[in-house]
Amino acid sequence: MRSRLIAYIQLIKPFNNSKSTLYYGFCALIGSLLSASWKIPLVASLSVATAVTLSAFAIYAINDIYDVKIDAINASDRPIPSGKITLTEAKLLTVGLFVSSAIVALLVSLNAFLFVLIFSALGVAYSVPPFRFKDGYFANVCWGLGIAVVVIGGASVSSINANALVAAFALAFLTSGCGLTKDLKDIEGDKALHIHTIPLLLGEKKAIKFMTVMSIIGFPLFFLNMLFSKINLIYLTTISLTICFFAASLVVLFKNPGSKATYKKAYKIQAVAGFLIIIAFVLCALF
């Protein structure tokens, strides 16, 4: 029984060592904090964050369902390819999570429901044919839009202001970069099963250069919040640290492209940057 429970937890990835699904719920809370600061409607904000998290659980589970052959190559110890969970069990769990997510969001407001619905739809479209945005140039756009929608959805419990919008699109750029690194570390399985991710379409070195250019464009967005609120030295320090971590991941990628170990290391560094940016935006909202 305990091993089965662990397998289900592994499927929805709340404690993944690279990027936790809990990250999406935290991003929804960021949106709420940036829109209302200390006057945050706590119950509504936590409810939206819960709805987003449940949807994220379902999105990651459905990705495993449709990537079972890829995971058999890239990560054979995952719950489905290892046989710990059957496809039918994974599908039932996914449906239950999506339905629960929609109900929780609808209990908050129609706006919250619509934003969570869009987030869920983007997650499904990423993995499921005939869209399967994972297979093509729109994969990273899908990831980035998903994060932007989550942040704005969190803000909708109060008001969608400039701070929340800036955070949404800044996080979208960062998430898109992390998504590209994930594609790099999974390139072996994607190539074997003809999944046309950006690293396979452009080549690994060009994909890394593309991510670097997008980062240079996206990084200034993190400082735009200063235009809508007072100067926050703690926020500026944390943002600078975030950028340093992300830049360090790019250095790692440029030093040894083509190595799966390198891609995994860079992805973990970017995950740290992702959680730092959450802390930074919380600091921006509260101080």
C-alpha atoms as a PDB file:
ATOM      1  CA  MET A   1       0.000   0.000   0.000  1.00  0.00           C
ATOM      2  CA  ARG A   2       2.791   2.408   0.930  1.00  0.00           C
ATOM      3  CA  SER A   3       4.664   1.712  -2.323  1.00  0.00           C
ATOM      4  CA  ARG A   4       1.484   2.376  -4.326  1.00  0.00           C
ATOM      5  CA  LEU A   5       0.964   5.698  -2.582  1.00  0.00           C
ATOM      6  CA  ILE A   6       4.563   6.673  -3.273  1.00  0.00           C
ATOM      7  CA  ALA A   7       4.073   5.774  -6.952  1.00  0.00           C
ATOM      8  CA  TYR A   8       1.010   8.043  -7.205  1.00  0.00           C
ATOM      9  CA  ILE A   9       2.939  10.876  -5.555  1.00  0.00           C
ATOM     10  CA  GLN A  10       5.784  10.334  -8.028  1.00  0.00           C
ATOM     11  CA  LEU A  11       3.277  10.537 -10.890  1.00  0.00           C
ATOM     12  CA  ILE A  12       1.983  13.983  -9.927  1.00  0.00           C
ATOM     13  CA  LYS A  13       5.490  15.257  -8.982  1.00  0.00           C
ATOM     14  CA  PRO A  14       4.857  17.482  -5.938  1.00  0.00           C
ATOM     15  CA  PHE A  15       8.378  16.795  -4.665  1.00  0.00           C
ATOM     16  CA  ASN A  16      10.254  16.450  -7.934  1.00  0.00           C
ATOM     17  CA  ASN A  17      13.967  17.246  -7.622  1.00  0.00           C
ATOM     18  CA  SER A  18      13.925  19.529 -10.672  1.00  0.00           C
ATOM     19  CA  LYS A  19      10.544  21.243 -10.832  1.00  0.00           C
ATOM     20  CA  SER A  20       7.703  20.612  -8.402  1.00  0.00           C
ATOM     21  CA  THR A  21       4.080  20.865  -9.494  1.00  0.00           C
ATOM     22  CA  LEU A  22       3.551  22.892  -6.307  1.00  0.00           C
ATOM     23  CA  TYR A  23       5.403  25.681  -8.141  1.00  0.00           C
ATOM     24  CA  TYR A  24       2.256  26.508 -10.108  1.00  0.00           C
ATOM     25  CA  GLY A  25       0.178  26.979  -6.970  1.00  0.00           C
ATOM     26  CA  PHE A  26       2.879  29.259  -5.551  1.00  0.00           C
ATOM     27  CA  CYS A  27       2.743  31.298  -8.772  1.00  0.00           C
ATOM     28  CA  ALA A  28      -1.017  31.733  -8.333  1.00  0.00           C
ATOM     29  CA  LEU A  29      -0.380  33.012  -4.802  1.00  0.00           C
ATOM     30  CA  ILE A  30       2.174  35.454  -6.211  1.00  0.00           C
ATOM     31  CA  GLY A  31      -0.530  36.856  -8.477  1.00  0.00           C
ATOM     32  CA  SER A  32      -2.843  37.310  -5.489  1.00  0.00           C
ATOM     33  CA  LEU A  33      -0.135  38.964  -3.406  1.00  0.00           C
ATOM     34  CA  LEU A  34       0.891  41.327  -6.190  1.00  0.00           C
ATOM     35  CA  SER A  35      -2.716  42.391  -6.722  1.00  0.00           C
ATOM     36  CA  ALA A  36      -3.654  42.891  -3.062  1.00  0.00           C
ATOM     37  CA  SER A  37      -0.486  42.714  -0.892  1.00  0.00           C
ATOM     38  CA  TRP A  38      -1.432  42.604   2.822  1.00  0.00           C
ATOM     39  CA  LYS A  39      -5.142  42.899   1.951  1.00  0.00           C
ATOM     40  CA  ILE A  40      -5.114  39.565   0.136  1.00  0.00           C
ATOM     41  CA  PRO A  41      -8.439  37.639   0.286  1.00  0.00           C
ATOM     42  CA  LEU A  42      -6.806  34.632   1.928  1.00  0.00           C
ATOM     43  CA  VAL A  43      -9.494  31.966   1.469  1.00  0.00           C
ATOM     44  CA  ALA A  44     -10.110  32.818  -2.178  1.00  0.00           C
ATOM     45  CA  SER A  45      -6.385  33.055  -2.933  1.00  0.00           C
ATOM     46  CA  LEU A  46      -5.593  29.708  -1.304  1.00  0.00           C
ATOM     47  CA  SER A  47      -8.546  28.137  -3.112  1.00  0.00           C
ATOM     48  CA  VAL A  48      -7.303  29.334  -6.509  1.00  0.00           C
ATOM     49  CA  ALA A  49      -3.797  28.112  -5.654  1.00  0.00           C
ATOM     50  CA  THR A  50      -5.274  24.724  -4.702  1.00  0.00           C
ATOM     51  CA  ALA A  51      -7.260  24.534  -7.944  1.00  0.00           C
ATOM     52  CA  VAL A  52      -4.145  25.372  -9.973  1.00  0.00           C
ATOM     53  CA  THR A  53      -2.089  22.787  -8.068  1.00  0.00           C
ATOM     54  CA  LEU A  54      -4.673  20.054  -8.665  1.00  0.00           C
ATOM     55  CA  SER A  55      -4.689  20.948 -12.357  1.00  0.00           C
ATOM     56  CA  ALA A  56      -0.874  20.844 -12.425  1.00  0.00           C
ATOM     57  CA  PHE A  57      -0.978  17.376 -10.854  1.00  0.00           C
ATOM     58  CA  ALA A  58      -3.328  16.260 -13.633  1.00  0.00           C
ATOM     59  CA  ILE A  59      -1.237  17.919 -16.366  1.00  0.00           C
ATOM     60  CA  TYR A  60       1.942  16.158 -15.265  1.00  0.00           C
ATOM     61  CA  ALA A  61       0.090  12.846 -14.953  1.00  0.00           C
ATOM     62  CA  ILE A  62      -1.382  13.140 -18.444  1.00  0.00           C
ATOM     63  CA  ASN A  63       2.057  13.988 -19.784  1.00  0.00           C
ATOM     64  CA  ASP A  64       3.354  10.714 -18.328  1.00  0.00           C
ATOM     65  CA  ILE A  65       0.420   8.864 -19.869  1.00  0.00           C
ATOM     66  CA  TYR A  66       1.203  10.108 -23.372  1.00  0.00           C
ATOM     67  CA  ASP A  67       4.978   9.932 -22.887  1.00  0.00           C
ATOM     68  CA  VAL A  68       5.102   6.378 -21.574  1.00  0.00           C
ATOM     69  CA  LYS A  69       7.232   5.172 -24.497  1.00  0.00           C
ATOM     70  CA  ILE A  70       9.578   8.143 -24.189  1.00  0.00           C
ATOM     71  CA  ASP A  71       9.914   7.630 -20.433  1.00  0.00           C
ATOM     72  CA  ALA A  72      10.746   3.982 -21.050  1.00  0.00           C
ATOM     73  CA  ILE A  73      13.952   5.375 -22.614  1.00  0.00           C
ATOM     74  CA  ASN A  74      14.554   8.596 -20.648  1.00  0.00           C
ATOM     75  CA  ALA A  75      13.227   7.591 -17.214  1.00  0.00           C
ATOM     76  CA  SER A  76      12.336   3.897 -17.025  1.00  0.00           C
ATOM     77  CA  ASP A  77      11.814   4.137 -13.252  1.00  0.00           C
ATOM     78  CA  ARG A  78       8.770   6.436 -13.689  1.00  0.00           C
ATOM     79  CA  PRO A  79       5.546   4.937 -12.231  1.00  0.00           C
ATOM     80  CA  ILE A  80       3.890   3.913 -15.520  1.00  0.00           C
ATOM     81  CA  PRO A  81       6.790   2.411 -17.539  1.00  0.00           C
ATOM     82  CA  SER A  82       8.042   0.649 -14.392  1.00  0.00           C
ATOM     83  CA  GLY A  83       4.608  -0.962 -13.915  1.00  0.00           C
ATOM     84  CA  LYS A  84       3.957   0.584 -10.492  1.00  0.00           C
ATOM     85  CA  ILE A  85       0.795   2.213 -11.873  1.00  0.00           C
ATOM     86  CA  THR A  86      -1.282   1.028 -14.823  1.00  0.00           C
ATOM     87  CA  LEU A  87      -2.378   3.346 -17.620  1.00  0.00           C
ATOM     88  CA  THR A  88      -6.028   2.922 -16.577  1.00  0.00           C
ATOM     89  CA  GLU A  89      -5.248   3.933 -13.000  1.00  0.00           C
ATOM     90  CA  ALA A  90      -3.287   6.963 -14.208  1.00  0.00           C
ATOM     91  CA  LYS A  91      -6.151   8.034 -16.484  1.00  0.00           C
ATOM     92  CA  LEU A  92      -8.735   7.756 -13.693  1.00  0.00           C
ATOM     93  CA  LEU A  93      -6.534   9.807 -11.382  1.00  0.00           C
ATOM     94  CA  THR A  94      -6.042  12.458 -14.078  1.00  0.00           C
ATOM     95  CA  VAL A  95      -9.774  12.857 -14.716  1.00  0.00           C
ATOM     96  CA  GLY A  96     -10.469  13.083 -10.979  1.00  0.00           C
ATOM     97  CA  LEU A  97      -7.824  15.771 -10.532  1.00  0.00           C
ATOM     98  CA  PHE A  98      -9.080  17.869 -13.452  1.00  0.00           C
ATOM     99  CA  VAL A  99     -12.685  17.683 -12.207  1.00  0.00           C
ATOM    100  CA  SER A 100     -11.655  18.549  -8.642  1.00  0.00           C
ATOM    101  CA  SER A 101      -9.613  21.482  -9.921  1.00  0.00           C
ATOM    102  CA  ALA A 102     -12.545  22.882 -11.894  1.00  0.00           C
ATOM    103  CA  ILE A 103     -14.960  22.542  -8.963  1.00  0.00           C
ATOM    104  CA  VAL A 104     -12.621  24.302  -6.513  1.00  0.00           C
ATOM    105  CA  ALA A 105     -12.013  27.170  -8.970  1.00  0.00           C
ATOM    106  CA  LEU A 106     -15.728  27.554  -9.729  1.00  0.00           C
ATOM    107  CA  LEU A 107     -16.468  27.879  -6.013  1.00  0.00           C
ATOM    108  CA  VAL A 108     -14.183  30.943  -5.964  1.00  0.00           C
ATOM    109  CA  SER A 109     -15.472  32.840  -8.996  1.00  0.00           C
ATOM    110  CA  LEU A 110     -16.218  32.534 -12.692  1.00  0.00           C
ATOM    111  CA  ASN A 111     -12.984  34.410 -13.514  1.00  0.00           C
ATOM    112  CA  ALA A 112     -10.919  31.986 -11.438  1.00  0.00           C
ATOM    113  CA  PHE A 113     -12.658  29.057 -13.128  1.00  0.00           C
ATOM    114  CA  LEU A 114     -11.916  30.436 -16.607  1.00  0.00           C
ATOM    115  CA  PHE A 115      -8.224  31.013 -15.866  1.00  0.00           C
ATOM    116  CA  VAL A 116      -7.829  27.538 -14.352  1.00  0.00           C
ATOM    117  CA  LEU A 117      -9.699  26.087 -17.327  1.00  0.00           C
ATOM    118  CA  ILE A 118      -7.305  27.822 -19.753  1.00  0.00           C
ATOM    119  CA  PHE A 119      -4.326  26.535 -17.740  1.00  0.00           C
ATOM    120  CA  SER A 120      -5.728  22.988 -17.868  1.00  0.00           C
ATOM    121  CA  ALA A 121      -6.424  23.274 -21.603  1.00  0.00           C
ATOM    122  CA  LEU A 122      -2.854  24.420 -22.289  1.00  0.00           C
ATOM    123  CA  GLY A 123      -1.535  21.481 -20.250  1.00  0.00           C
ATOM    124  CA  VAL A 124      -3.660  19.008 -22.170  1.00  0.00           C
ATOM    125  CA  ALA A 125      -2.751  20.579 -25.510  1.00  0.00           C
ATOM    126  CA  TYR A 126       0.935  20.264 -24.629  1.00  0.00           C
ATOM    127  CA  SER A 127       0.766  16.462 -24.379  1.00  0.00           C
ATOM    128  CA  VAL A 128      -2.345  15.189 -26.142  1.00  0.00           C
ATOM    129  CA  PRO A 129      -2.858  14.755 -29.924  1.00  0.00           C
ATOM    130  CA  PRO A 130      -3.947  16.270 -32.252  1.00  0.00           C
ATOM    131  CA  PHE A 131      -2.422  19.435 -30.746  1.00  0.00           C
ATOM    132  CA  ARG A 132       0.567  17.968 -28.836  1.00  0.00           C
ATOM    133  CA  PHE A 133       2.430  21.275 -28.700  1.00  0.00           C
ATOM    134  CA  LYS A 134       5.325  19.381 -27.162  1.00  0.00           C
ATOM    135  CA  ASP A 135       6.037  18.142 -30.688  1.00  0.00           C
ATOM    136  CA  GLY A 136       7.034  21.400 -32.392  1.00  0.00           C
ATOM    137  CA  TYR A 137       7.991  25.047 -31.969  1.00  0.00           C
ATOM    138  CA  PHE A 138       5.076  25.953 -29.677  1.00  0.00           C
ATOM    139  CA  ALA A 139       6.107  23.802 -26.697  1.00  0.00           C
ATOM    140  CA  ASN A 140       7.888  26.588 -24.852  1.00  0.00           C
ATOM    141  CA  VAL A 141       5.189  29.109 -25.721  1.00  0.00           C
ATOM    142  CA  CYS A 142       2.698  26.716 -24.139  1.00  0.00           C
ATOM    143  CA  TRP A 143       4.766  26.451 -20.941  1.00  0.00           C
ATOM    144  CA  GLY A 144       5.213  30.209 -20.719  1.00  0.00           C
ATOM    145  CA  LEU A 145       1.560  31.018 -21.345  1.00  0.00           C
ATOM    146  CA  GLY A 146       0.571  28.472 -18.720  1.00  0.00           C
ATOM    147  CA  ILE A 147       2.562  30.269 -16.039  1.00  0.00           C
ATOM    148  CA  ALA A 148       1.290  33.681 -17.163  1.00  0.00           C
ATOM    149  CA  VAL A 149      -2.320  32.461 -16.967  1.00  0.00           C
ATOM    150  CA  VAL A 150      -1.738  31.040 -13.469  1.00  0.00           C
ATOM    151  CA  VAL A 151      -0.309  34.315 -12.119  1.00  0.00           C
ATOM    152  CA  ILE A 152      -3.102  36.385 -13.674  1.00  0.00           C
ATOM    153  CA  GLY A 153      -5.665  33.877 -12.396  1.00  0.00           C
ATOM    154  CA  GLY A 154      -4.329  34.361  -8.872  1.00  0.00           C
ATOM    155  CA  ALA A 155      -4.551  38.128  -9.301  1.00  0.00           C
ATOM    156  CA  SER A 156      -8.170  37.858 -10.481  1.00  0.00           C
ATOM    157  CA  VAL A 157      -9.385  37.208  -6.917  1.00  0.00           C
ATOM    158  CA  SER A 158      -8.682  40.881  -6.239  1.00  0.00           C
ATOM    159  CA  SER A 159      -7.662  42.915  -9.307  1.00  0.00           C
ATOM    160  CA  ILE A 160      -5.369  42.292 -12.264  1.00  0.00           C
ATOM    161  CA  ASN A 161      -2.873  45.128 -11.899  1.00  0.00           C
ATOM    162  CA  ALA A 162       0.382  46.098 -13.606  1.00  0.00           C
ATOM    163  CA  ASN A 163       2.549  44.327 -10.996  1.00  0.00           C
ATOM    164  CA  ALA A 164       0.767  41.029 -11.596  1.00  0.00           C
ATOM    165  CA  LEU A 165       1.008  41.381 -15.383  1.00  0.00           C
ATOM    166  CA  VAL A 166       4.745  42.138 -15.245  1.00  0.00           C
ATOM    167  CA  ALA A 167       5.309  39.122 -12.983  1.00  0.00           C
ATOM    168  CA  ALA A 168       3.219  36.926 -15.264  1.00  0.00           C
ATOM    169  CA  PHE A 169       5.272  37.619 -18.365  1.00  0.00           C
ATOM    170  CA  ALA A 170       8.630  37.698 -16.563  1.00  0.00           C
ATOM    171  CA  LEU A 171       7.888  34.231 -15.169  1.00  0.00           C
ATOM    172  CA  ALA A 172       6.711  33.146 -18.615  1.00  0.00           C
ATOM    173  CA  PHE A 173      10.153  33.899 -20.067  1.00  0.00           C
ATOM    174  CA  LEU A 174      11.938  32.091 -17.234  1.00  0.00           C
ATOM    175  CA  THR A 175       9.652  29.057 -17.519  1.00  0.00           C
ATOM    176  CA  SER A 176      10.105  28.891 -21.272  1.00  0.00           C
ATOM    177  CA  GLY A 177      13.854  28.721 -20.734  1.00  0.00           C
ATOM    178  CA  CYS A 178      13.506  25.920 -18.199  1.00  0.00           C
ATOM    179  CA  GLY A 179      11.236  24.084 -20.628  1.00  0.00           C
ATOM    180  CA  LEU A 180      13.903  24.218 -23.297  1.00  0.00           C
ATOM    181  CA  THR A 181      16.464  22.761 -20.900  1.00  0.00           C
ATOM    182  CA  LYS A 182      14.038  19.959 -20.070  1.00  0.00           C
ATOM    183  CA  ASP A 183      13.846  19.180 -23.796  1.00  0.00           C
ATOM    184  CA  LEU A 184      17.630  19.073 -23.935  1.00  0.00           C
ATOM    185  CA  LYS A 185      17.894  16.549 -21.113  1.00  0.00           C
ATOM    186  CA  ASP A 186      15.132  14.400 -22.682  1.00  0.00           C
ATOM    187  CA  ILE A 187      16.535  14.589 -26.200  1.00  0.00           C
ATOM    188  CA  GLU A 188      17.524  10.921 -26.399  1.00  0.00           C
ATOM    189  CA  GLY A 189      13.995   9.607 -25.922  1.00  0.00           C
ATOM    190  CA  ASP A 190      12.423  12.392 -28.002  1.00  0.00           C
ATOM    191  CA  LYS A 191      14.744  11.602 -30.900  1.00  0.00           C
ATOM    192  CA  ALA A 192      14.046   7.868 -30.705  1.00  0.00           C
ATOM    193  CA  LEU A 193      10.291   8.469 -30.920  1.00  0.00           C
ATOM    194  CA  HIS A 194      10.469  11.358 -33.439  1.00  0.00           C
ATOM    195  CA  ILE A 195       9.231  14.074 -31.049  1.00  0.00           C
ATOM    196  CA  HIS A 196      10.195  17.343 -32.726  1.00  0.00           C
ATOM    197  CA  THR A 197      11.282  19.508 -29.806  1.00  0.00           C
ATOM    198  CA  ILE A 198      13.203  22.746 -30.406  1.00  0.00           C
ATOM    199  CA  PRO A 199      16.637  21.173 -29.672  1.00  0.00           C
ATOM    200  CA  LEU A 200      15.922  18.561 -32.333  1.00  0.00           C
ATOM    201  CA  LEU A 201      14.507  21.098 -34.796  1.00  0.00           C
ATOM    202  CA  LEU A 202      17.320  23.664 -34.376  1.00  0.00           C
ATOM    203  CA  GLY A 203      20.142  21.535 -33.042  1.00  0.00           C
ATOM    204  CA  GLU A 204      21.356  21.521 -29.448  1.00  0.00           C
ATOM    205  CA  LYS A 205      23.857  24.396 -29.727  1.00  0.00           C
ATOM    206  CA  LYS A 206      21.432  26.663 -31.566  1.00  0.00           C
ATOM    207  CA  ALA A 207      18.725  25.846 -29.020  1.00  0.00           C
ATOM    208  CA  ILE A 208      21.046  26.949 -26.206  1.00  0.00           C
ATOM    209  CA  LYS A 209      21.836  30.170 -28.093  1.00  0.00           C
ATOM    210  CA  PHE A 210      18.118  30.747 -28.638  1.00  0.00           C
ATOM    211  CA  MET A 211      17.475  30.334 -24.912  1.00  0.00           C
ATOM    212  CA  THR A 212      20.262  32.796 -24.142  1.00  0.00           C
ATOM    213  CA  VAL A 213      18.756  35.442 -26.447  1.00  0.00           C
ATOM    214  CA  MET A 214      15.288  34.943 -24.921  1.00  0.00           C
ATOM    215  CA  SER A 215      16.803  35.274 -21.432  1.00  0.00           C
ATOM    216  CA  ILE A 216      18.491  38.557 -22.329  1.00  0.00           C
ATOM    217  CA  ILE A 217      15.123  39.841 -23.559  1.00  0.00           C
ATOM    218  CA  GLY A 218      13.243  38.528 -20.541  1.00  0.00           C
ATOM    219  CA  PHE A 219      15.545  39.500 -17.662  1.00  0.00           C
ATOM    220  CA  PRO A 220      14.778  43.272 -17.807  1.00  0.00           C
ATOM    221  CA  LEU A 221      11.107  42.436 -17.198  1.00  0.00           C
ATOM    222  CA  PHE A 222      11.996  41.441 -13.642  1.00  0.00           C
ATOM    223  CA  PHE A 223      12.910  45.056 -12.863  1.00  0.00           C
ATOM    224  CA  LEU A 224       9.786  46.674 -14.324  1.00  0.00           C
ATOM    225  CA  ASN A 225       7.951  46.203 -11.023  1.00  0.00           C
ATOM    226  CA  MET A 226      10.033  49.070  -9.692  1.00  0.00           C
ATOM    227  CA  LEU A 227       8.026  51.368 -11.991  1.00  0.00           C
ATOM    228  CA  PHE A 228       4.802  50.478 -10.172  1.00  0.00           C
ATOM    229  CA  SER A 229       6.006  50.350  -6.559  1.00  0.00           C
ATOM    230  CA  LYS A 230       8.685  51.794  -4.304  1.00  0.00           C
ATOM    231  CA  ILE A 231      12.316  50.711  -4.592  1.00  0.00           C
ATOM    232  CA  ASN A 232      12.749  47.410  -2.781  1.00  0.00           C
ATOM    233  CA  LEU A 233      16.393  46.537  -2.127  1.00  0.00           C
ATOM    234  CA  ILE A 234      15.552  43.041  -0.842  1.00  0.00           C
ATOM    235  CA  TYR A 235      13.597  42.360  -4.033  1.00  0.00           C
ATOM    236  CA  LEU A 236      16.418  43.724  -6.202  1.00  0.00           C
ATOM    237  CA  THR A 237      18.956  41.558  -4.395  1.00  0.00           C
ATOM    238  CA  THR A 238      16.861  38.403  -4.793  1.00  0.00           C
ATOM    239  CA  ILE A 239      16.151  39.158  -8.451  1.00  0.00           C
ATOM    240  CA  SER A 240      19.853  39.691  -9.080  1.00  0.00           C
ATOM    241  CA  LEU A 241      20.594  36.351  -7.407  1.00  0.00           C
ATOM    242  CA  THR A 242      17.932  34.711  -9.585  1.00  0.00           C
ATOM    243  CA  ILE A 243      19.514  36.075 -12.739  1.00  0.00           C
ATOM    244  CA  CYS A 244      22.932  34.890 -11.552  1.00  0.00           C
ATOM    245  CA  PHE A 245      21.618  31.345 -11.096  1.00  0.00           C
ATOM    246  CA  PHE A 246      19.968  31.332 -14.518  1.00  0.00           C
ATOM    247  CA  ALA A 247      23.097  32.788 -16.121  1.00  0.00           C
ATOM    248  CA  ALA A 248      25.143  30.090 -14.368  1.00  0.00           C
ATOM    249  CA  SER A 249      22.916  27.435 -15.943  1.00  0.00           C
ATOM    250  CA  LEU A 250      23.631  28.942 -19.371  1.00  0.00           C
ATOM    251  CA  VAL A 251      27.375  28.831 -18.686  1.00  0.00           C
ATOM    252  CA  VAL A 252      27.030  25.153 -17.753  1.00  0.00           C
ATOM    253  CA  LEU A 253      25.166  24.497 -21.002  1.00  0.00           C
ATOM    254  CA  PHE A 254      27.724  26.323 -23.167  1.00  0.00           C
ATOM    255  CA  LYS A 255      30.699  24.599 -21.516  1.00  0.00           C
ATOM    256  CA  ASN A 256      29.651  21.059 -22.330  1.00  0.00           C
ATOM    257  CA  PRO A 257      26.733  20.842 -24.792  1.00  0.00           C
ATOM    258  CA  GLY A 258      25.618  17.384 -25.799  1.00  0.00           C
ATOM    259  CA  SER A 259      25.957  15.823 -22.345  1.00  0.00           C
ATOM    260  CA  LYS A 260      22.827  14.545 -20.596  1.00  0.00           C
ATOM    261  CA  ALA A 261      24.509  15.084 -17.217  1.00  0.00           C
ATOM    262  CA  THR A 262      25.128  18.719 -18.187  1.00  0.00           C
ATOM    263  CA  TYR A 263      21.499  19.223 -19.160  1.00  0.00           C
ATOM    264  CA  LYS A 264      20.270  17.709 -15.893  1.00  0.00           C
ATOM    265  CA  LYS A 265      22.608  19.936 -13.895  1.00  0.00           C
ATOM    266  CA  ALA A 266      21.500  23.064 -15.767  1.00  0.00           C
ATOM    267  CA  TYR A 267      17.832  22.151 -15.287  1.00  0.00           C
ATOM    268  CA  LYS A 268      18.305  21.814 -11.520  1.00  0.00           C
ATOM    269  CA  ILE A 269      20.082  25.182 -11.358  1.00  0.00           C
ATOM    270  CA  GLN A 270      17.184  26.763 -13.261  1.00  0.00           C
ATOM    271  CA  ALA A 271      14.721  25.164 -10.848  1.00  0.00           C
ATOM    272  CA  VAL A 272      16.510  26.990  -8.004  1.00  0.00           C
ATOM    273  CA  ALA A 273      16.199  30.214 -10.012  1.00  0.00           C
ATOM    274  CA  GLY A 274      12.468  29.527 -10.384  1.00  0.00           C
ATOM    275  CA  PHE A 275      11.912  29.275  -6.633  1.00  0.00           C
ATOM    276  CA  LEU A 276      14.076  32.349  -6.006  1.00  0.00           C
ATOM    277  CA  ILE A 277      11.909  34.392  -8.332  1.00  0.00           C
ATOM    278  CA  ILE A 278       8.841  33.320  -6.368  1.00  0.00           C
ATOM    279  CA  ILE A 279      10.498  34.595  -3.185  1.00  0.00           C
ATOM    280  CA  ALA A 280      11.455  37.812  -4.975  1.00  0.00           C
ATOM    281  CA  PHE A 281       7.915  38.586  -6.098  1.00  0.00           C
ATOM    282  CA  VAL A 282       6.544  37.800  -2.627  1.00  0.00           C
ATOM    283  CA  LEU A 283       9.031  40.306  -1.212  1.00  0.00           C
ATOM    284  CA  CYS A 284       7.990  42.839  -3.849  1.00  0.00           C
ATOM    285  CA  ALA A 285       4.337  42.414  -2.874  1.00  0.00           C
ATOM    286  CA  LEU A 286       4.769  42.580   0.890  1.00  0.00           C
ATOM    287  CA  PHE A 287       7.492  45.202   1.386  1.00  0.00           C
END
